Amino acid sequence: MANLETTLDVFSALLASEQPARIGEADEAIWAYLAAFEGLDAQVEAIDRLGRGVAGLNGSSAFMPILLDTLDRHRARLAEPSA
């Protein structure tokens, strides 16, 4: 299980990479982070904390818009009504 700090470290490495970052790595890090939280409310709070943490990372990286989009997709998934 990944915690907030570990997940932000993964994102920082992806943002600093000169090689094109793979979106799959960010997505995997988000899933691993969210896995530590049980229940929809806890996961919504967790993704919000993660979003605030990402706001403090390297915003000039070309990967930042992709990372933000990935976070938004997870946020939207958590907001969907359950079946």
N, C-alpha and C. Protein backbone atom coordinates (compact mmCIF):
# COMPACT_ATOMS: atom_id res chain seq x y z
N MET A 1 0.83 -1.18 0.00
CA MET A 1 0.00 0.00 0.00
C MET A 1 0.88 1.25 0.00
N ALA A 2 0.44 2.21 -0.72
CA ALA A 2 1.20 3.45 -0.83
C ALA A 2 0.53 4.53 0.02
N ASN A 3 1.36 5.36 0.63
CA ASN A 3 0.79 6.49 1.37
C ASN A 3 0.92 7.76 0.53
N LEU A 4 0.45 8.86 1.05
CA LEU A 4 0.45 10.12 0.30
C LEU A 4 1.86 10.52 -0.09
N GLU A 5 2.78 10.46 0.84
CA GLU A 5 4.16 10.88 0.56
C GLU A 5 4.80 10.02 -0.53
N THR A 6 4.63 8.72 -0.44
CA THR A 6 5.18 7.81 -1.43
C THR A 6 4.59 8.08 -2.81
N THR A 7 3.29 8.31 -2.86
CA THR A 7 2.62 8.58 -4.12
C THR A 7 3.10 9.89 -4.73
N LEU A 8 3.25 10.91 -3.90
CA LEU A 8 3.76 12.19 -4.41
C LEU A 8 5.21 12.06 -4.88
N ASP A 9 5.99 11.19 -4.22
CA ASP A 9 7.36 10.93 -4.68
C ASP A 9 7.36 10.31 -6.08
N VAL A 10 6.44 9.38 -6.32
CA VAL A 10 6.32 8.78 -7.65
C VAL A 10 5.98 9.86 -8.67
N PHE A 11 5.01 10.71 -8.34
CA PHE A 11 4.62 11.78 -9.24
C PHE A 11 5.77 12.75 -9.50
N SER A 12 6.52 13.09 -8.46
CA SER A 12 7.67 14.00 -8.62
C SER A 12 8.69 13.42 -9.59
N ALA A 13 8.95 12.12 -9.46
CA ALA A 13 9.89 11.47 -10.37
C ALA A 13 9.38 11.49 -11.80
N LEU A 14 8.08 11.25 -11.97
CA LEU A 14 7.50 11.30 -13.31
C LEU A 14 7.57 12.71 -13.89
N LEU A 15 7.31 13.71 -13.06
CA LEU A 15 7.34 15.09 -13.52
C LEU A 15 8.76 15.54 -13.87
N ALA A 16 9.76 14.98 -13.18
CA ALA A 16 11.15 15.38 -13.40
C ALA A 16 11.80 14.60 -14.54
N SER A 17 11.19 13.52 -14.96
CA SER A 17 11.78 12.66 -15.99
C SER A 17 11.89 13.39 -17.32
N GLU A 18 13.04 13.22 -17.96
CA GLU A 18 13.20 13.80 -19.29
C GLU A 18 12.57 12.92 -20.35
N GLN A 19 12.40 11.66 -20.02
CA GLN A 19 11.72 10.73 -20.92
C GLN A 19 10.22 10.97 -20.78
N PRO A 20 9.50 10.75 -21.85
CA PRO A 20 8.04 10.89 -21.72
C PRO A 20 7.52 9.93 -20.65
N ALA A 21 6.81 10.47 -19.71
CA ALA A 21 6.27 9.66 -18.62
C ALA A 21 5.09 8.84 -19.13
N ARG A 22 5.01 7.65 -18.63
CA ARG A 22 3.88 6.80 -18.99
C ARG A 22 2.73 7.09 -18.05
N ILE A 23 1.57 7.33 -18.63
CA ILE A 23 0.39 7.63 -17.83
C ILE A 23 0.04 6.44 -16.95
N GLY A 24 0.35 5.25 -17.41
CA GLY A 24 0.06 4.05 -16.64
C GLY A 24 0.74 4.05 -15.28
N GLU A 25 1.92 4.63 -15.20
CA GLU A 25 2.64 4.70 -13.92
C GLU A 25 1.89 5.59 -12.93
N ALA A 26 1.40 6.71 -13.40
CA ALA A 26 0.63 7.61 -12.53
C ALA A 26 -0.67 6.94 -12.12
N ASP A 27 -1.32 6.30 -13.05
CA ASP A 27 -2.58 5.63 -12.76
C ASP A 27 -2.39 4.51 -11.73
N GLU A 28 -1.33 3.73 -11.88
CA GLU A 28 -1.03 2.67 -10.93
C GLU A 28 -0.76 3.24 -9.54
N ALA A 29 -0.04 4.35 -9.49
CA ALA A 29 0.26 4.99 -8.20
C ALA A 29 -1.02 5.47 -7.52
N ILE A 30 -1.94 6.00 -8.30
CA ILE A 30 -3.21 6.48 -7.74
C ILE A 30 -4.02 5.30 -7.21
N TRP A 31 -4.12 4.22 -7.99
CA TRP A 31 -4.85 3.04 -7.52
C TRP A 31 -4.24 2.48 -6.24
N ALA A 32 -2.91 2.40 -6.20
CA ALA A 32 -2.23 1.87 -5.01
C ALA A 32 -2.50 2.75 -3.80
N TYR A 33 -2.50 4.05 -3.99
CA TYR A 33 -2.78 4.98 -2.90
C TYR A 33 -4.22 4.82 -2.40
N LEU A 34 -5.17 4.78 -3.32
CA LEU A 34 -6.58 4.69 -2.94
C LEU A 34 -6.93 3.35 -2.30
N ALA A 35 -6.17 2.31 -2.61
CA ALA A 35 -6.44 0.98 -2.07
C ALA A 35 -6.36 0.95 -0.54
N ALA A 36 -5.64 1.89 0.04
CA ALA A 36 -5.47 1.93 1.49
C ALA A 36 -6.72 2.46 2.20
N PHE A 37 -7.68 2.99 1.45
CA PHE A 37 -8.85 3.62 2.05
C PHE A 37 -10.10 2.81 1.74
N GLU A 38 -10.83 2.47 2.79
CA GLU A 38 -12.07 1.71 2.62
C GLU A 38 -13.25 2.66 2.59
N GLY A 39 -14.10 2.45 1.63
CA GLY A 39 -15.32 3.25 1.53
C GLY A 39 -15.15 4.44 0.60
N LEU A 40 -16.25 4.77 -0.02
CA LEU A 40 -16.26 5.85 -1.00
C LEU A 40 -15.88 7.19 -0.40
N ASP A 41 -16.44 7.52 0.75
CA ASP A 41 -16.13 8.82 1.37
C ASP A 41 -14.64 8.95 1.67
N ALA A 42 -14.05 7.89 2.19
CA ALA A 42 -12.62 7.92 2.51
C ALA A 42 -11.78 8.07 1.25
N GLN A 43 -12.19 7.41 0.16
CA GLN A 43 -11.44 7.53 -1.08
C GLN A 43 -11.60 8.91 -1.70
N VAL A 44 -12.78 9.50 -1.58
CA VAL A 44 -12.98 10.87 -2.08
C VAL A 44 -12.08 11.84 -1.32
N GLU A 45 -12.05 11.70 0.00
CA GLU A 45 -11.16 12.55 0.80
C GLU A 45 -9.70 12.33 0.42
N ALA A 46 -9.33 11.08 0.19
CA ALA A 46 -7.95 10.75 -0.16
C ALA A 46 -7.55 11.35 -1.51
N ILE A 47 -8.43 11.29 -2.49
CA ILE A 47 -8.10 11.85 -3.81
C ILE A 47 -8.01 13.37 -3.72
N ASP A 48 -8.81 13.98 -2.85
CA ASP A 48 -8.73 15.43 -2.64
C ASP A 48 -7.38 15.80 -2.01
N ARG A 49 -6.94 15.02 -1.01
CA ARG A 49 -5.63 15.27 -0.39
C ARG A 49 -4.52 15.10 -1.42
N LEU A 50 -4.65 14.08 -2.25
CA LEU A 50 -3.65 13.84 -3.29
C LEU A 50 -3.61 15.01 -4.27
N GLY A 51 -4.77 15.51 -4.64
CA GLY A 51 -4.83 16.67 -5.54
C GLY A 51 -4.15 17.89 -4.95
N ARG A 52 -4.37 18.11 -3.65
CA ARG A 52 -3.71 19.25 -2.99
C ARG A 52 -2.19 19.04 -2.96
N GLY A 53 -1.77 17.81 -2.76
CA GLY A 53 -0.33 17.52 -2.76
C GLY A 53 0.29 17.73 -4.13
N VAL A 54 -0.42 17.33 -5.17
CA VAL A 54 0.08 17.49 -6.54
C VAL A 54 0.22 18.98 -6.87
N ALA A 55 -0.64 19.81 -6.33
CA ALA A 55 -0.58 21.25 -6.60
C ALA A 55 0.77 21.84 -6.19
N GLY A 56 1.46 21.20 -5.26
CA GLY A 56 2.75 21.70 -4.81
C GLY A 56 3.94 21.13 -5.58
N LEU A 57 3.67 20.33 -6.60
CA LEU A 57 4.76 19.73 -7.38
C LEU A 57 5.13 20.60 -8.57
N ASN A 58 6.07 20.14 -9.36
CA ASN A 58 6.60 20.87 -10.51
C ASN A 58 5.53 21.13 -11.57
N GLY A 59 4.92 22.28 -11.52
CA GLY A 59 3.86 22.64 -12.45
C GLY A 59 4.35 22.94 -13.85
N SER A 60 5.65 23.10 -14.04
CA SER A 60 6.17 23.43 -15.36
C SER A 60 6.44 22.19 -16.21
N SER A 61 6.31 21.02 -15.62
CA SER A 61 6.55 19.79 -16.36
C SER A 61 5.47 19.58 -17.42
N ALA A 62 5.88 19.08 -18.56
CA ALA A 62 4.92 18.77 -19.63
C ALA A 62 3.98 17.64 -19.21
N PHE A 63 4.35 16.89 -18.20
CA PHE A 63 3.52 15.78 -17.73
C PHE A 63 2.41 16.25 -16.78
N MET A 64 2.53 17.44 -16.23
CA MET A 64 1.55 17.91 -15.24
C MET A 64 0.11 17.88 -15.77
N PRO A 65 -0.17 18.39 -16.97
CA PRO A 65 -1.56 18.33 -17.44
C PRO A 65 -2.09 16.90 -17.54
N ILE A 66 -1.23 15.97 -17.90
CA ILE A 66 -1.63 14.57 -18.00
C ILE A 66 -1.93 14.02 -16.61
N LEU A 67 -1.09 14.36 -15.65
CA LEU A 67 -1.29 13.92 -14.27
C LEU A 67 -2.59 14.49 -13.71
N LEU A 68 -2.82 15.76 -13.95
CA LEU A 68 -4.06 16.40 -13.47
C LEU A 68 -5.30 15.77 -14.11
N ASP A 69 -5.20 15.44 -15.40
CA ASP A 69 -6.30 14.78 -16.09
C ASP A 69 -6.57 13.40 -15.49
N THR A 70 -5.50 12.69 -15.16
CA THR A 70 -5.64 11.36 -14.56
C THR A 70 -6.32 11.47 -13.19
N LEU A 71 -5.92 12.45 -12.40
CA LEU A 71 -6.57 12.67 -11.10
C LEU A 71 -8.05 13.01 -11.30
N ASP A 72 -8.35 13.83 -12.28
CA ASP A 72 -9.74 14.21 -12.56
C ASP A 72 -10.58 12.99 -12.95
N ARG A 73 -9.99 12.09 -13.74
CA ARG A 73 -10.72 10.88 -14.13
C ARG A 73 -11.05 10.02 -12.90
N HIS A 74 -10.08 9.90 -11.98
CA HIS A 74 -10.34 9.15 -10.76
C HIS A 74 -11.40 9.85 -9.90
N ARG A 75 -11.33 11.15 -9.83
CA ARG A 75 -12.31 11.93 -9.05
C ARG A 75 -13.71 11.72 -9.65
N ALA A 76 -13.81 11.75 -10.98
CA ALA A 76 -15.09 11.55 -11.65
C ALA A 76 -15.60 10.12 -11.41
N ARG A 77 -14.72 9.16 -11.44
CA ARG A 77 -15.11 7.77 -11.21
C ARG A 77 -15.68 7.62 -9.80
N LEU A 78 -15.05 8.27 -8.82
CA LEU A 78 -15.53 8.20 -7.45
C LEU A 78 -16.86 8.92 -7.26
N ALA A 79 -17.14 9.89 -8.12
CA ALA A 79 -18.39 10.66 -8.02
C ALA A 79 -19.57 9.97 -8.70
N GLU A 80 -19.29 8.93 -9.49
CA GLU A 80 -20.37 8.22 -10.19
C GLU A 80 -21.26 7.49 -9.19
N PRO A 81 -22.56 7.49 -9.47
CA PRO A 81 -23.44 6.73 -8.58
C PRO A 81 -23.12 5.24 -8.68
N SER A 82 -23.17 4.56 -7.56
CA SER A 82 -22.88 3.12 -7.58
C SER A 82 -24.10 2.38 -8.10
N ALA A 83 -23.81 1.26 -8.73
CA ALA A 83 -24.89 0.47 -9.34
C ALA A 83 -25.62 -0.36 -8.32
